[in-house]
Every structure is written in C-alpha cells, then in structure tokens.
Amino acid sequence: MRTQRQDRRRGRGSGRRRLRHSTLTVLAAGAGLATFAALPTGAALGSTGGTSTEPEPTGPTGKAKIQDGLAIPPTDAPSRIVAAIEAANEIAKGKDYCYGGGHGKWRSRCYDCSGAVSYALHGGRMIDSPLPSGSLARWGERGKGNWLTVYANGGHAYAVIAGLRWDTSMTTGKGPGWSDEMRSGGGFKKRRFKSY
C-alpha cells in the first residue's frame, strides 16, 4: 500500500514530466513557426515540407522584343518562359512551313502551326510530345496566362509568349516566326500552363 508521501512524490514527478513535455511542445511549435516565417513570400510547401524549387510566376513587367527575327525575353521572365522563347528562336529563322512538320520528331526541316507551338512548349518543359492543334485546344488549363497563352482550335494554333505572338501565319518569312502584332482570338480556345 502506498503512503500519502509516495503519492505526492509520484504526482510531483508526473507533473514535472507534463511540464517538461509541454515546454518541449511549445519550443518545437516555436521552431516550426520560425521555419515557416523564414519561407519566401509565395513559396509553396511541398509534400516533404520544403519549399518548391521555382517561385510562383507573376505577370510580366515588360514585354519581349524582336531583334533580327528572334525574341529577346524580358529580364523578369520565369525560366520556363525563357526556355520556351529560346526553343522557338531555334526554329524561327530558316525553317519553312509544311503540314505535319514537327510531329514525327522534334527536329524537322519544316514545321506546321501546332508543331511550332509544341516545339516552344517542349523547350519550356510543358509537354513531352508534339500535339496537333485540336489537342492543344484541350491542353493545360483553361484561360489566358500571365506569360504564355496558347490559342487553338481544330484548324490552327498559335501562342502569345511574353507579349509576342509565335505563329506560322501573319508573320514575316515562310515558316514559324514572331510578331508584336496580335490577331483576333475569336474562335480559339485559350489555354495556359499552370500559373504561367
């Protein structure tokens, strides 16, 4: 049988354990808050609790420029957009238009509208294989993007990337090219890649 004195000792010991456990919980929570507070603004938490490798893109403050037929991205363009522009630039000069061009393989002697758009999207790590214009009308997410919008229907596709139109018609030259003149988006589905 326990004495009153033993009960008091046990109570005191368990109280100390409870106090120590509560203190550790508060300290751990405080450390977690400090870690969370240190995250950069707009950082996304991944499944492991770390930050995403690429920050959420905001809208452009500037517009890409055309120089000698090639697009020069604005300095605030996200890396995926810069990569898409660089890929499009690879075929902007010297490639003619041909129906089905750019669909059998990425490197082609000529490109059609959806092949040219697919090439740019592939450069920006947004697709793995070329898509025809009808599929581009269902690609990605619905609506206009801040940096990149694909306009597509069953017969044609083009993209507006960093304020420039990437297209195979109404541009200079015989094949894919850049233009700072917009065309009507009527009759086209507008699609975007995530927050871009």
Protein backbone atom coordinates (compact mmCIF):
# COMPACT_ATOMS: atom_id res chain seq x y z
CA MET A 1 0.00 0.00 0.00
CA ARG A 2 1.31 3.44 -0.93
CA THR A 3 1.63 6.15 1.63
CA GLN A 4 0.45 9.71 1.14
CA ARG A 5 4.06 10.75 0.87
CA GLN A 6 4.69 8.30 -2.05
CA ASP A 7 1.57 9.58 -3.83
CA ARG A 8 2.78 13.17 -3.50
CA ARG A 9 6.19 12.19 -4.92
CA ARG A 10 4.61 10.38 -7.86
CA GLY A 11 2.29 13.32 -8.54
CA ARG A 12 5.18 15.74 -8.38
CA GLY A 13 7.26 13.58 -10.78
CA SER A 14 4.46 13.19 -13.31
CA GLY A 15 3.79 16.91 -13.04
CA ARG A 16 7.42 17.60 -13.88
CA ARG A 17 7.15 15.24 -16.88
CA ARG A 18 3.97 17.01 -18.03
CA LEU A 19 5.66 20.40 -17.61
CA ARG A 20 8.78 19.22 -19.48
CA HIS A 21 6.61 17.72 -22.28
CA SER A 22 4.57 20.95 -22.53
CA THR A 23 7.74 23.04 -22.66
CA LEU A 24 9.20 20.86 -25.44
CA THR A 25 5.93 21.07 -27.38
CA VAL A 26 5.92 24.87 -27.15
CA LEU A 27 9.60 25.05 -28.15
CA ALA A 28 9.02 22.70 -31.10
CA ALA A 29 6.00 24.70 -32.20
CA GLY A 30 8.01 27.92 -31.92
CA ALA A 31 10.78 26.42 -34.03
CA GLY A 32 8.20 25.37 -36.62
CA LEU A 33 6.81 28.90 -36.71
CA ALA A 34 10.31 30.28 -37.15
CA THR A 35 10.89 27.88 -40.06
CA PHE A 36 7.55 28.77 -41.63
CA ALA A 37 8.19 32.50 -41.17
CA ALA A 38 11.52 32.10 -42.98
CA LEU A 39 9.82 30.85 -46.16
CA PRO A 40 9.94 33.36 -49.02
CA THR A 41 6.72 35.10 -49.93
CA GLY A 42 4.63 32.96 -52.27
CA ALA A 43 6.69 29.81 -51.66
CA ALA A 44 4.71 26.63 -51.92
CA LEU A 45 5.09 23.84 -49.40
CA GLY A 46 5.92 20.52 -50.99
CA SER A 47 4.88 17.10 -49.70
CA THR A 48 8.07 16.89 -47.67
CA GLY A 49 7.54 20.28 -46.09
CA GLY A 50 10.25 22.08 -48.11
CA THR A 51 9.81 24.95 -50.50
CA SER A 52 9.17 24.43 -54.20
CA THR A 53 12.16 24.92 -56.45
CA GLU A 54 10.51 27.54 -58.63
CA PRO A 55 8.54 30.50 -57.25
CA GLU A 56 5.05 31.26 -58.47
CA PRO A 57 5.36 33.49 -61.54
CA THR A 58 3.83 36.94 -61.50
CA GLY A 59 2.73 38.87 -64.56
CA PRO A 60 5.37 40.46 -66.77
CA THR A 61 6.50 43.99 -66.10
CA GLY A 62 7.99 44.20 -69.57
CA LYS A 63 7.40 42.63 -72.96
CA ALA A 64 9.73 40.55 -75.09
CA LYS A 65 11.36 42.38 -78.01
CA ILE A 66 12.06 41.19 -81.54
CA GLN A 67 15.59 41.66 -82.82
CA ASP A 68 16.69 40.22 -86.18
CA GLY A 69 13.67 37.91 -86.20
CA LEU A 70 14.38 36.47 -82.75
CA ALA A 71 12.58 37.16 -79.46
CA ILE A 72 14.53 38.66 -76.56
CA PRO A 73 12.75 37.80 -73.28
CA PRO A 74 12.22 40.50 -70.64
CA THR A 75 14.55 40.33 -67.65
CA ASP A 76 11.74 39.31 -65.26
CA ALA A 77 10.63 36.29 -67.34
CA PRO A 78 10.49 32.98 -65.44
CA SER A 79 12.99 30.32 -66.50
CA ARG A 80 10.35 28.17 -68.25
CA ILE A 81 9.26 31.14 -70.36
CA VAL A 82 12.87 31.99 -71.25
CA ALA A 83 13.42 28.34 -72.25
CA ALA A 84 10.26 28.34 -74.40
CA ILE A 85 11.40 31.53 -76.17
CA GLU A 86 14.89 30.11 -76.74
CA ALA A 87 13.42 26.92 -78.21
CA ALA A 88 11.14 28.89 -80.53
CA ASN A 89 14.13 31.01 -81.59
CA GLU A 90 15.91 27.81 -82.70
CA ILE A 91 13.32 27.35 -85.47
CA ALA A 92 12.33 30.99 -86.03
CA LYS A 93 14.91 31.51 -88.75
CA GLY A 94 15.32 29.32 -91.77
CA LYS A 95 12.51 26.81 -91.18
CA ASP A 96 9.68 26.70 -93.69
CA TYR A 97 6.05 25.79 -93.15
CA CYS A 98 4.87 22.29 -94.03
CA TYR A 99 1.75 20.44 -92.99
CA GLY A 100 2.56 17.91 -90.26
CA GLY A 101 6.06 19.32 -89.75
CA GLY A 102 7.44 18.86 -86.24
CA HIS A 103 5.11 15.99 -85.35
CA GLY A 104 7.15 12.95 -86.40
CA LYS A 105 10.21 14.13 -84.48
CA TRP A 106 11.23 17.31 -82.68
CA ARG A 107 13.94 18.22 -85.21
CA SER A 108 12.32 18.75 -88.58
CA ARG A 109 13.19 20.59 -91.79
CA CYS A 110 9.83 22.42 -91.56
CA TYR A 111 7.02 22.97 -89.04
CA ASP A 112 3.28 23.47 -89.11
CA CYS A 113 1.44 25.71 -86.65
CA SER A 114 0.94 23.14 -83.88
CA GLY A 115 4.39 21.67 -84.44
CA ALA A 116 5.93 25.11 -83.89
CA VAL A 117 3.85 25.77 -80.76
CA SER A 118 4.65 22.29 -79.45
CA TYR A 119 8.37 22.91 -80.03
CA ALA A 120 8.26 26.04 -77.87
CA LEU A 121 6.21 24.32 -75.15
CA HIS A 122 8.61 21.37 -75.13
CA GLY A 123 11.53 23.77 -74.70
CA GLY A 124 9.78 25.22 -71.63
CA ARG A 125 9.25 21.71 -70.18
CA MET A 126 5.48 21.93 -70.60
CA ILE A 127 4.86 18.94 -72.91
CA ASP A 128 6.68 15.70 -73.70
CA SER A 129 5.45 15.06 -77.24
CA PRO A 130 4.07 17.23 -80.07
CA LEU A 131 0.33 17.91 -80.09
CA PRO A 132 -1.94 18.74 -83.04
CA SER A 133 -4.00 21.92 -82.82
CA GLY A 134 -7.17 20.12 -81.68
CA SER A 135 -5.29 18.60 -78.74
CA LEU A 136 -3.67 21.95 -77.91
CA ALA A 137 -7.24 23.31 -77.55
CA ARG A 138 -7.59 20.91 -74.58
CA TRP A 139 -4.01 21.13 -73.26
CA GLY A 140 -3.10 22.69 -69.91
CA GLU A 141 -5.61 24.79 -68.02
CA ARG A 142 -8.46 26.94 -69.33
CA GLY A 143 -7.94 30.67 -69.77
CA LYS A 144 -5.23 33.20 -70.56
CA GLY A 145 -1.91 33.01 -68.79
CA ASN A 146 0.22 35.82 -67.43
CA TRP A 147 3.22 34.88 -69.55
CA LEU A 148 2.01 32.31 -72.07
CA THR A 149 -1.33 31.67 -73.73
CA VAL A 150 -1.92 29.03 -76.40
CA TYR A 151 -4.75 29.84 -78.84
CA ALA A 152 -6.01 26.71 -80.57
CA ASN A 153 -8.94 25.18 -82.40
CA GLY A 154 -9.32 22.24 -84.76
CA GLY A 155 -7.62 24.06 -87.64
CA HIS A 156 -4.91 26.34 -86.24
CA ALA A 157 -2.76 27.05 -83.18
CA TYR A 158 -0.51 29.88 -82.12
CA ALA A 159 0.87 31.19 -78.84
CA VAL A 160 1.46 34.53 -77.19
CA ILE A 161 4.63 34.32 -75.12
CA ALA A 162 5.83 37.31 -73.06
CA GLY A 163 3.66 39.62 -75.17
CA LEU A 164 4.80 38.37 -78.60
CA ARG A 165 2.81 36.16 -80.96
CA TRP A 166 4.50 32.89 -82.02
CA ASP A 167 2.74 31.76 -85.20
CA THR A 168 3.12 30.35 -88.70
CA SER A 169 0.79 32.87 -90.33
CA MET A 170 0.71 36.66 -90.39
CA THR A 171 4.43 36.77 -89.58
CA THR A 172 7.48 37.51 -91.70
CA GLY A 173 9.11 34.62 -93.53
CA LYS A 174 7.75 31.32 -94.80
CA GLY A 175 7.65 29.40 -91.53
CA PRO A 176 7.27 29.91 -87.78
CA GLY A 177 8.00 33.42 -86.62
CA TRP A 178 7.46 36.15 -84.04
CA SER A 179 5.20 39.17 -84.34
CA ASP A 180 4.35 42.00 -81.97
CA GLU A 181 1.03 42.43 -83.78
CA MET A 182 -1.80 40.47 -82.22
CA ARG A 183 -4.57 38.75 -84.12
CA SER A 184 -8.15 38.09 -83.05
CA GLY A 185 -8.52 35.26 -80.55
CA GLY A 186 -12.13 34.75 -81.61
CA GLY A 187 -12.94 31.11 -82.33
CA PHE A 188 -9.88 29.87 -80.42
CA LYS A 189 -9.69 28.13 -77.05
CA LYS A 190 -7.31 29.93 -74.71
CA ARG A 191 -5.08 27.62 -72.70
CA ARG A 192 -2.27 28.17 -70.20
CA PHE A 193 0.33 26.17 -68.30
CA LYS A 194 -0.27 26.33 -64.52
CA SER A 195 0.35 29.87 -63.25
CA TYR A 196 2.31 30.94 -66.31
